N, C-alpha and C. Protein backbone atom coordinates (compact mmCIF):
# COMPACT_ATOMS: atom_id res chain seq x y z
N MET A 1 -24.14 21.35 -5.56
CA MET A 1 -22.59 20.74 -5.45
C MET A 1 -21.70 21.68 -5.40
N ARG A 2 -21.78 22.80 -5.52
CA ARG A 2 -20.81 23.50 -5.35
C ARG A 2 -20.22 23.63 -4.37
N SER A 3 -21.19 23.73 -2.85
CA SER A 3 -20.43 23.48 -1.51
C SER A 3 -19.85 21.92 -1.44
N THR A 4 -20.25 20.97 -2.32
CA THR A 4 -19.73 19.98 -1.79
C THR A 4 -18.56 20.00 -2.66
N MET A 5 -18.34 20.62 -3.91
CA MET A 5 -16.70 21.08 -4.31
C MET A 5 -15.64 21.75 -3.42
N LEU A 6 -16.41 22.93 -2.95
CA LEU A 6 -15.42 23.65 -1.96
C LEU A 6 -15.36 23.19 -1.01
N ILE A 7 -16.09 21.97 -0.04
CA ILE A 7 -15.29 21.48 0.93
C ILE A 7 -14.50 20.88 0.39
N THR A 8 -14.77 19.96 -0.38
CA THR A 8 -14.07 18.99 -1.18
C THR A 8 -12.81 19.55 -1.41
N GLY A 9 -12.49 20.63 -1.80
CA GLY A 9 -11.40 21.23 -2.10
C GLY A 9 -10.46 21.91 -0.98
N ALA A 10 -11.29 22.19 0.05
CA ALA A 10 -11.01 22.55 1.50
C ALA A 10 -10.00 21.00 2.11
N LEU A 11 -10.61 20.02 2.40
CA LEU A 11 -10.15 19.27 2.39
C LEU A 11 -8.96 18.82 1.53
N ALA A 12 -8.90 18.92 0.42
CA ALA A 12 -7.75 18.41 -0.72
C ALA A 12 -6.80 19.28 -0.46
N VAL A 13 -6.95 20.86 -0.09
CA VAL A 13 -5.77 21.72 0.45
C VAL A 13 -5.36 21.50 1.39
N ALA A 14 -6.05 21.03 2.88
CA ALA A 14 -5.68 20.55 4.31
C ALA A 14 -4.94 18.73 3.92
N ALA A 15 -5.08 18.35 3.09
CA ALA A 15 -4.84 17.01 3.01
C ALA A 15 -3.21 16.98 2.05
N THR A 16 -3.18 18.18 1.40
CA THR A 16 -2.15 17.91 0.39
C THR A 16 -0.77 18.33 1.37
N SER A 17 -1.42 19.54 2.62
CA SER A 17 -0.18 19.65 3.17
C SER A 17 0.11 18.73 4.00
N SER A 18 -0.39 18.08 4.52
CA SER A 18 -0.65 17.18 5.80
C SER A 18 0.78 16.11 4.51
N LEU A 19 0.10 16.37 3.30
CA LEU A 19 0.74 14.46 2.14
C LEU A 19 2.31 15.07 2.57
N PHE A 20 2.23 16.38 2.05
CA PHE A 20 3.65 16.40 1.54
C PHE A 20 4.33 16.78 3.35
N GLY A 21 4.36 16.82 4.15
CA GLY A 21 4.48 16.76 5.42
C GLY A 21 5.06 18.09 5.74
N TRP A 22 4.69 19.40 5.16
CA TRP A 22 4.59 20.92 5.36
C TRP A 22 4.58 21.40 6.58
N SER A 23 3.53 20.17 7.55
CA SER A 23 2.73 21.07 8.74
C SER A 23 3.80 20.71 10.06
N ASN A 24 3.16 21.84 10.53
CA ASN A 24 4.29 21.30 12.54
C ASN A 24 3.69 20.44 12.60
N ALA A 25 3.87 19.54 13.64
CA ALA A 25 3.90 18.68 14.52
C ALA A 25 2.73 19.04 15.62
N ALA A 26 1.08 18.72 16.10
CA ALA A 26 0.90 19.03 17.21
C ALA A 26 1.04 18.56 17.99
N TYR A 27 1.88 18.67 19.39
CA TYR A 27 1.94 17.53 20.07
C TYR A 27 0.64 18.12 21.21
N ALA A 28 0.50 16.56 22.23
CA ALA A 28 -0.66 17.02 22.95
C ALA A 28 -0.35 18.42 24.32
N GLY A 29 -1.73 18.72 23.85
CA GLY A 29 -1.49 19.96 24.56
C GLY A 29 -1.16 21.50 23.70
N GLU A 30 -0.45 21.36 23.36
CA GLU A 30 0.18 22.55 21.77
C GLU A 30 -0.63 22.48 20.36
N PRO A 31 -1.87 22.62 20.47
CA PRO A 31 -2.45 22.75 18.84
C PRO A 31 -1.17 23.81 18.14
N THR A 32 -1.25 24.01 17.26
CA THR A 32 -1.00 24.82 15.96
C THR A 32 -2.04 25.88 15.09
N THR A 33 -1.63 26.55 14.49
CA THR A 33 -2.54 27.33 13.63
C THR A 33 -1.91 27.75 12.50
N THR A 34 -2.06 28.03 11.86
CA THR A 34 -1.46 28.30 10.50
C THR A 34 -2.71 29.25 9.53
N ASN A 35 -1.97 30.46 8.73
CA ASN A 35 -3.25 30.86 7.96
C ASN A 35 -2.54 30.13 6.30
N GLU A 36 -3.31 29.94 5.69
CA GLU A 36 -2.56 29.53 4.49
C GLU A 36 -3.60 30.15 3.59
N LYS A 37 -2.67 30.19 2.15
CA LYS A 37 -3.80 30.93 1.31
C LYS A 37 -3.08 30.73 0.19
N GLY A 38 -3.65 30.31 -0.81
CA GLY A 38 -3.01 30.23 -2.54
C GLY A 38 -4.52 29.80 -2.93
N ILE A 39 -3.68 29.03 -4.24
CA ILE A 39 -4.58 28.33 -5.33
C ILE A 39 -4.76 27.05 -5.53
N LEU A 40 -6.10 26.56 -5.63
CA LEU A 40 -6.06 24.85 -6.09
C LEU A 40 -7.10 25.15 -7.74
N LEU A 41 -6.26 24.25 -8.85
CA LEU A 41 -6.60 24.33 -9.70
C LEU A 41 -6.72 22.59 -9.94
N GLU A 42 -7.53 21.91 -10.19
CA GLU A 42 -7.44 20.66 -9.93
C GLU A 42 -8.24 20.17 -11.72
N CYS A 43 -7.92 19.43 -12.42
CA CYS A 43 -7.95 19.77 -13.99
C CYS A 43 -8.08 18.14 -14.27
N SER A 44 -8.92 18.31 -15.33
CA SER A 44 -8.86 17.00 -16.75
C SER A 44 -8.63 16.76 -17.71
N GLY A 45 -8.36 15.64 -18.75
CA GLY A 45 -8.48 16.55 -20.03
C GLY A 45 -7.98 14.56 -20.57
N THR A 46 -7.92 14.61 -21.78
CA THR A 46 -7.86 13.30 -22.49
C THR A 46 -6.46 13.38 -23.51
N TRP A 47 -5.38 13.20 -22.94
CA TRP A 47 -4.25 13.14 -24.40
C TRP A 47 -4.12 11.55 -24.75
N LYS A 48 -4.24 11.57 -26.27
CA LYS A 48 -4.50 10.81 -26.93
C LYS A 48 -5.13 9.36 -26.92
N GLY A 49 -6.13 9.80 -26.08
CA GLY A 49 -7.30 8.91 -25.86
C GLY A 49 -6.63 8.25 -24.37
N GLU A 50 -6.23 8.98 -23.88
CA GLU A 50 -5.79 8.52 -22.73
C GLU A 50 -6.61 9.39 -21.40
N ASP A 51 -6.94 9.52 -20.08
CA ASP A 51 -7.26 10.21 -19.34
C ASP A 51 -5.81 11.00 -18.28
N VAL A 52 -6.04 12.44 -18.60
CA VAL A 52 -5.35 12.90 -17.74
C VAL A 52 -5.55 13.91 -16.64
N TYR A 53 -5.10 13.94 -15.43
CA TYR A 53 -5.27 14.41 -13.93
C TYR A 53 -4.39 15.57 -13.96
N ALA A 54 -4.22 16.68 -13.76
CA ALA A 54 -3.58 17.99 -13.74
C ALA A 54 -3.96 18.61 -12.64
N SER A 55 -2.89 18.96 -11.58
CA SER A 55 -3.31 19.59 -10.37
C SER A 55 -2.46 21.12 -10.44
N VAL A 56 -2.80 22.17 -10.52
CA VAL A 56 -1.47 23.25 -9.63
C VAL A 56 -1.97 23.38 -8.62
N TYR A 57 -1.23 23.62 -7.44
CA TYR A 57 -1.26 23.93 -6.34
C TYR A 57 -0.43 24.65 -5.97
N GLU A 58 -0.66 25.89 -4.80
CA GLU A 58 -0.23 27.12 -4.62
C GLU A 58 -0.62 26.84 -2.63
N ASN A 59 0.50 27.34 -1.81
CA ASN A 59 0.57 27.79 -0.22
C ASN A 59 0.99 28.39 -0.14
N GLU A 60 1.28 29.62 0.28
CA GLU A 60 2.04 31.06 0.74
C GLU A 60 2.94 29.90 1.40
N THR A 61 2.55 29.27 2.34
CA THR A 61 3.19 29.12 3.90
C THR A 61 3.73 27.83 3.62
N TYR A 62 3.56 26.90 2.71
CA TYR A 62 3.85 25.76 2.68
C TYR A 62 5.16 25.35 1.34
N GLY A 63 4.41 26.22 0.06
CA GLY A 63 5.03 25.94 -0.88
C GLY A 63 4.31 25.83 -2.19
N ASN A 64 4.54 25.43 -3.42
CA ASN A 64 4.14 25.08 -4.49
C ASN A 64 4.10 23.67 -5.08
N THR A 65 3.12 22.87 -5.68
CA THR A 65 3.32 21.74 -6.32
C THR A 65 2.25 22.13 -7.81
N VAL A 66 3.03 20.96 -8.53
CA VAL A 66 1.98 21.06 -9.68
C VAL A 66 1.91 19.29 -9.99
N GLN A 67 1.61 18.82 -10.36
CA GLN A 67 1.18 17.33 -10.92
C GLN A 67 0.49 16.76 -12.17
N VAL A 68 1.10 16.11 -13.05
CA VAL A 68 0.34 15.64 -13.90
C VAL A 68 0.46 14.00 -13.97
N VAL A 69 -0.95 13.21 -14.43
CA VAL A 69 -0.46 11.99 -13.90
C VAL A 69 -1.73 11.22 -15.59
N ILE A 70 -0.98 11.08 -16.47
CA ILE A 70 -1.65 10.39 -17.73
C ILE A 70 -1.94 8.85 -18.08
N GLY A 71 -2.98 8.81 -17.98
CA GLY A 71 -3.31 7.22 -18.17
C GLY A 71 -2.91 6.45 -16.56
N ASP A 72 -3.97 7.00 -16.12
CA ASP A 72 -3.13 6.31 -14.59
C ASP A 72 -2.00 5.95 -13.82
N GLY A 73 -1.22 6.90 -14.69
CA GLY A 73 0.24 6.63 -14.75
C GLY A 73 1.10 5.86 -15.23
N ASP A 74 -0.09 5.46 -15.89
CA ASP A 74 0.75 3.68 -17.17
C ASP A 74 1.29 4.77 -18.29
N VAL A 75 1.03 5.56 -18.65
CA VAL A 75 1.68 6.84 -19.85
C VAL A 75 2.72 7.31 -19.01
N ALA A 76 2.42 8.31 -18.32
CA ALA A 76 3.29 8.64 -17.69
C ALA A 76 2.88 10.04 -16.33
N GLY A 77 3.73 10.09 -15.13
CA GLY A 77 2.99 10.69 -13.92
C GLY A 77 4.39 11.24 -13.75
N GLY A 78 4.01 13.00 -13.44
CA GLY A 78 5.01 13.31 -12.56
C GLY A 78 4.64 14.51 -11.20
N ILE A 79 5.50 14.77 -10.34
CA ILE A 79 4.90 15.87 -9.45
C ILE A 79 6.57 16.49 -9.26
N ARG A 80 6.13 18.70 -9.10
CA ARG A 80 7.12 19.37 -9.12
C ARG A 80 7.08 20.15 -7.80
N GLU A 81 7.73 20.38 -6.76
CA GLU A 81 7.75 20.99 -5.56
C GLU A 81 8.19 21.93 -6.17
N THR A 82 8.20 23.33 -5.59
CA THR A 82 8.71 24.97 -6.13
C THR A 82 8.56 25.73 -4.83
N THR A 83 9.15 26.71 -4.38
CA THR A 83 8.64 27.80 -3.98
C THR A 83 8.39 28.91 -4.96
N ARG A 84 8.77 28.61 -6.20
CA ARG A 84 7.62 29.42 -7.19
C ARG A 84 6.32 29.70 -7.56
N ALA A 85 5.83 31.09 -7.40
CA ALA A 85 4.65 31.27 -7.73
C ALA A 85 4.11 30.59 -9.33
N PHE A 86 3.02 29.87 -9.48
CA PHE A 86 2.58 29.11 -10.49
C PHE A 86 1.84 30.24 -11.35
N LYS A 87 1.32 31.09 -10.02
CA LYS A 87 0.14 32.20 -11.24
C LYS A 87 0.61 33.53 -10.86
N ASP A 88 0.71 34.39 -11.93
CA ASP A 88 1.15 35.74 -12.02
C ASP A 88 0.21 36.44 -12.60
N GLY A 89 -0.95 37.54 -11.37
CA GLY A 89 -1.90 38.10 -11.85
C GLY A 89 -3.06 37.25 -12.51
N ARG A 90 -3.53 36.81 -13.52
CA ARG A 90 -3.93 36.16 -14.13
C ARG A 90 -3.59 35.24 -15.15
N ASP A 91 -2.09 35.22 -15.19
CA ASP A 91 -1.86 34.21 -15.97
C ASP A 91 -0.91 32.85 -15.16
N VAL A 92 -1.24 31.94 -15.94
CA VAL A 92 -0.85 30.55 -14.89
C VAL A 92 0.14 29.92 -15.51
N ARG A 93 1.27 29.63 -15.19
CA ARG A 93 2.51 28.74 -16.05
C ARG A 93 3.02 27.69 -15.26
N ALA A 94 3.02 26.36 -14.92
CA ALA A 94 3.80 25.38 -14.27
C ALA A 94 4.16 24.27 -15.23
N VAL A 95 5.74 24.10 -15.16
CA VAL A 95 6.32 23.46 -15.69
C VAL A 95 6.72 22.19 -15.07
N LEU A 96 6.70 20.68 -15.67
CA LEU A 96 7.19 19.67 -14.95
C LEU A 96 7.79 18.66 -16.05
N LYS A 97 9.19 17.75 -15.46
CA LYS A 97 8.95 17.04 -16.44
C LYS A 97 8.35 15.94 -16.31
N LEU A 98 7.99 14.95 -17.71
CA LEU A 98 7.49 13.48 -17.76
C LEU A 98 8.25 12.61 -18.44
N LYS A 99 8.50 11.74 -18.16
CA LYS A 99 9.21 10.98 -19.23
C LYS A 99 10.63 11.80 -19.68
N GLY A 100 11.05 12.67 -19.57
CA GLY A 100 12.15 13.31 -19.73
C GLY A 100 11.96 14.58 -20.66
N LYS A 101 10.85 14.88 -21.16
CA LYS A 101 10.06 15.85 -21.90
C LYS A 101 9.17 16.53 -20.58
N ARG A 102 9.15 17.83 -21.13
CA ARG A 102 9.03 19.11 -20.72
C ARG A 102 7.04 19.10 -21.17
N ALA A 103 6.40 19.12 -19.69
CA ALA A 103 4.60 19.13 -19.91
C ALA A 103 4.84 20.39 -19.05
N VAL A 104 3.71 21.23 -19.82
CA VAL A 104 3.46 22.86 -19.70
C VAL A 104 2.03 23.25 -19.64
N ILE A 105 1.25 23.39 -18.31
CA ILE A 105 0.10 23.59 -18.15
C ILE A 105 0.17 25.33 -17.98
N GLU A 106 -0.62 26.18 -19.07
CA GLU A 106 -0.85 27.38 -19.28
C GLU A 106 -1.82 28.03 -19.47
N GLY A 107 -2.25 29.27 -19.27
CA GLY A 107 -3.61 29.33 -19.66
C GLY A 107 -3.62 31.03 -18.31
N THR A 108 -5.03 31.07 -18.20
CA THR A 108 -5.34 32.38 -16.91
C THR A 108 -6.36 31.70 -16.34
N ALA A 109 -6.43 32.62 -15.20
CA ALA A 109 -7.06 32.24 -13.95
C ALA A 109 -7.50 33.00 -13.51
N ARG A 110 -8.73 33.67 -12.96
CA ARG A 110 -8.95 34.83 -12.51
C ARG A 110 -10.05 34.43 -11.50
N ALA A 111 -10.05 35.40 -10.13
CA ALA A 111 -11.47 35.24 -9.00
C ALA A 111 -12.53 35.37 -9.45
N VAL A 112 -13.78 34.84 -9.35
CA VAL A 112 -14.75 35.28 -9.58
C VAL A 112 -15.69 35.21 -8.58
N GLY A 113 -17.09 36.00 -8.77
CA GLY A 113 -17.94 35.87 -7.72
C GLY A 113 -17.73 35.91 -5.64
N LYS A 114 -18.62 35.11 -5.32
CA LYS A 114 -18.29 35.80 -4.47
C LYS A 114 -17.47 34.39 -3.18
N LYS A 115 -17.05 35.17 -1.84
CA LYS A 115 -16.50 34.21 -1.75
C LYS A 115 -17.40 33.64 -0.44
N THR A 116 -16.78 32.00 -0.69
CA THR A 116 -17.28 31.20 0.48
C THR A 116 -16.94 31.06 1.64
N LEU A 117 -17.72 30.86 2.36
CA LEU A 117 -17.38 30.28 3.77
C LEU A 117 -17.22 28.85 4.10
N VAL A 118 -15.88 28.55 4.53
CA VAL A 118 -15.54 27.06 4.66
C VAL A 118 -15.00 26.41 6.02
N HIS A 119 -15.63 25.65 6.44
CA HIS A 119 -15.28 24.68 8.03
C HIS A 119 -15.16 23.27 7.48
N GLU A 120 -14.12 22.89 8.01
CA GLU A 120 -14.45 21.19 7.72
C GLU A 120 -13.72 20.27 9.27
N GLU A 121 -13.85 19.58 9.44
CA GLU A 121 -12.50 19.33 10.73
C GLU A 121 -13.09 17.33 10.34
N HIS A 122 -11.60 17.39 10.84
CA HIS A 122 -11.71 15.84 10.46
C HIS A 122 -10.24 15.55 11.11
N ASP A 123 -9.65 13.76 11.43
CA ASP A 123 -8.68 13.02 12.25
C ASP A 123 -7.77 13.14 10.94
N ASP A 124 -6.54 13.31 10.93
CA ASP A 124 -5.68 12.56 10.30
C ASP A 124 -3.82 12.52 10.85
N ALA A 125 -3.69 11.39 10.86
CA ALA A 125 -2.26 11.03 11.35
C ALA A 125 -2.10 11.36 12.82
N GLY A 126 -2.75 11.26 13.55
CA GLY A 126 -2.82 11.47 14.84
C GLY A 126 -3.44 12.40 14.97
N GLN A 127 -3.84 13.61 14.50
CA GLN A 127 -4.13 15.19 14.44
C GLN A 127 -5.58 15.18 14.40
N HIS A 128 -6.10 15.94 15.16
CA HIS A 128 -7.80 16.53 14.82
C HIS A 128 -7.62 18.08 13.99
N ILE A 129 -7.80 18.06 12.63
CA ILE A 129 -7.38 19.34 11.63
C ILE A 129 -9.32 19.77 11.87
N THR A 130 -8.76 21.43 12.00
CA THR A 130 -10.10 22.16 11.67
C THR A 130 -9.62 23.42 10.73
N VAL A 131 -10.24 23.14 9.83
CA VAL A 131 -10.05 24.20 8.63
C VAL A 131 -11.43 25.43 8.86
N ASP A 132 -10.86 26.16 8.67
CA ASP A 132 -11.69 27.39 8.38
C ASP A 132 -11.09 28.82 7.71
N GLY A 133 -12.38 29.44 6.94
CA GLY A 133 -11.64 30.60 6.04
C GLY A 133 -12.90 30.52 4.56
N THR A 134 -12.22 31.12 3.40
CA THR A 134 -13.04 31.15 2.48
C THR A 134 -12.65 30.90 1.44
N HIS A 135 -13.18 30.62 0.30
CA HIS A 135 -12.77 30.23 -0.75
C HIS A 135 -13.70 31.07 -1.77
N ARG A 136 -12.92 31.23 -3.16
CA ARG A 136 -13.31 32.12 -4.63
C ARG A 136 -13.13 31.53 -5.53
N ARG A 137 -14.18 31.40 -6.08
CA ARG A 137 -13.70 30.44 -7.39
C ARG A 137 -13.18 30.97 -8.61
N LEU A 138 -12.44 30.36 -9.21
CA LEU A 138 -11.27 30.81 -10.27
C LEU A 138 -11.81 30.58 -11.46
N ALA A 139 -12.35 31.15 -12.66
CA ALA A 139 -12.61 30.95 -13.63
C ALA A 139 -10.83 30.59 -14.33
N ASN A 140 -11.07 30.06 -15.27
CA ASN A 140 -9.96 29.11 -16.09
C ASN A 140 -9.98 29.13 -17.12
N ASP A 141 -8.53 29.14 -18.64
CA ASP A 141 -8.96 28.82 -19.51
C ASP A 141 -7.27 27.71 -19.77
N LEU A 142 -6.82 26.73 -19.18
CA LEU A 142 -6.04 26.09 -19.01
C LEU A 142 -5.80 25.11 -20.22
N THR A 143 -4.50 24.80 -20.88
CA THR A 143 -4.39 24.02 -22.01
C THR A 143 -2.56 22.95 -20.87
N LEU A 144 -2.93 21.81 -21.69
CA LEU A 144 -1.48 21.02 -21.38
C LEU A 144 -0.79 20.74 -22.54
N THR A 145 0.47 21.25 -22.50
CA THR A 145 1.05 20.70 -23.65
C THR A 145 2.38 19.56 -23.37
N TRP A 146 2.49 18.73 -23.85
CA TRP A 146 3.30 17.72 -24.13
C TRP A 146 3.42 16.95 -24.61
N ARG A 147 4.60 16.25 -25.41
CA ARG A 147 5.50 15.38 -26.51
C ARG A 147 4.87 16.05 -27.88
N GLY A 148 4.40 17.33 -27.82
CA GLY A 148 3.93 18.28 -29.24
C GLY A 148 2.38 18.06 -29.45
N THR A 149 1.94 17.28 -28.30
CA THR A 149 -0.08 17.41 -28.25
C THR A 149 0.03 18.25 -27.33
N THR A 150 -1.07 19.76 -27.31
CA THR A 150 -1.83 20.33 -26.93
C THR A 150 -3.46 19.81 -26.53
N LEU A 151 -3.59 19.96 -25.52
CA LEU A 151 -5.02 19.85 -24.71
C LEU A 151 -5.46 20.51 -23.89
N PRO A 152 -7.17 20.97 -23.99
CA PRO A 152 -7.61 21.60 -23.13
C PRO A 152 -7.51 20.71 -21.59
N LEU A 153 -7.42 21.86 -20.92
CA LEU A 153 -7.95 21.33 -19.72
C LEU A 153 -9.52 21.93 -18.81
N ASP A 154 -10.20 20.50 -18.30
CA ASP A 154 -11.31 21.23 -17.40
C ASP A 154 -11.09 21.12 -16.03
N CYS A 155 -11.22 22.46 -15.90
CA CYS A 155 -10.52 22.59 -14.51
C CYS A 155 -12.21 22.90 -13.61
N ASP A 156 -12.83 22.07 -13.20
CA ASP A 156 -14.38 22.48 -12.23
C ASP A 156 -13.55 22.66 -11.29
N ASN A 157 -12.94 22.06 -10.38
CA ASN A 157 -12.54 22.30 -9.00
C ASN A 157 -11.68 23.20 -8.95
N ALA A 158 -11.71 24.61 -9.03
CA ALA A 158 -10.74 25.94 -9.04
C ALA A 158 -11.11 26.67 -8.34
N PHE A 159 -10.35 27.49 -7.11
CA PHE A 159 -10.63 28.58 -6.55
C PHE A 159 -9.34 28.92 -5.87
N VAL A 160 -9.39 30.09 -5.23
CA VAL A 160 -8.30 31.09 -4.48
C VAL A 160 -9.14 30.57 -3.25
N TYR A 161 -7.92 30.52 -2.23
CA TYR A 161 -8.37 30.46 -0.63
C TYR A 161 -7.60 31.05 0.14
N ASP A 162 -8.38 31.42 1.26
CA ASP A 162 -7.56 31.62 2.67
C ASP A 162 -8.20 31.15 3.69
N LEU A 163 -7.15 30.17 4.36
CA LEU A 163 -7.75 29.37 5.25
C LEU A 163 -7.16 29.59 6.72
N GLN A 164 -7.55 29.42 7.40
CA GLN A 164 -6.93 29.06 8.98
C GLN A 164 -6.98 27.64 9.35
N VAL A 165 -5.76 26.94 9.25
CA VAL A 165 -5.76 25.71 9.96
C VAL A 165 -4.87 25.17 11.21
N THR A 166 -5.96 24.76 12.24
CA THR A 166 -5.79 24.22 13.39
C THR A 166 -5.04 23.15 13.61
N LYS A 167 -4.01 22.18 13.69
CA LYS A 167 -4.12 21.11 14.17
C LYS A 167 -3.87 20.33 15.47
N GLU A 168 -4.29 19.73 15.90
CA GLU A 168 -4.39 19.18 17.42
C GLU A 168 -4.38 17.86 17.63
N SER A 169 -3.08 17.10 18.85
CA SER A 169 -2.93 15.78 18.71
C SER A 169 -4.13 14.86 19.57
N THR A 170 -4.44 13.97 19.10
CA THR A 170 -5.24 13.23 19.15
C THR A 170 -4.70 12.42 20.02
N VAL A 171 -3.22 12.48 20.20
CA VAL A 171 -2.56 10.98 21.38
C VAL A 171 -2.05 12.00 22.00
N ASP A 172 -1.88 11.09 23.05
CA ASP A 172 -1.21 11.82 24.24
C ASP A 172 0.58 11.67 24.41
């Protein structure tokens, strides 16, 4: 199960880079390789009976993103990109606006256990993407505060990553 989560996390990191357009396009015959380091904390919780999804993502190469979705977006949802780190030592703090009110994810996270090797290959948007590197689990204790309510977050998919990502065009 853990290796499935780690590979899923590698895909999430690579996919997030692709989704936000942070990658250099690889043209036929010109593969591009980047070294991507950072953290990913994917969390869930419940706010006043509504499901919560929260993500804190740092990528030293392409930037950082915090996202919160409450009630499948029916209650609130937002995303914020920044170059400022969310994790400083063991402290985590990520802030964004949801429906005009500050939402704050905060707490602690620290790397624990051994590094796990990661290898994944997939095709996306006309590119063959190869991801190689390591993940190391992040033990964490995070909360989300919004509109006067603080809730604990369960962040099962949480790790530090150090990846080499190679993108090669699949179109001529």
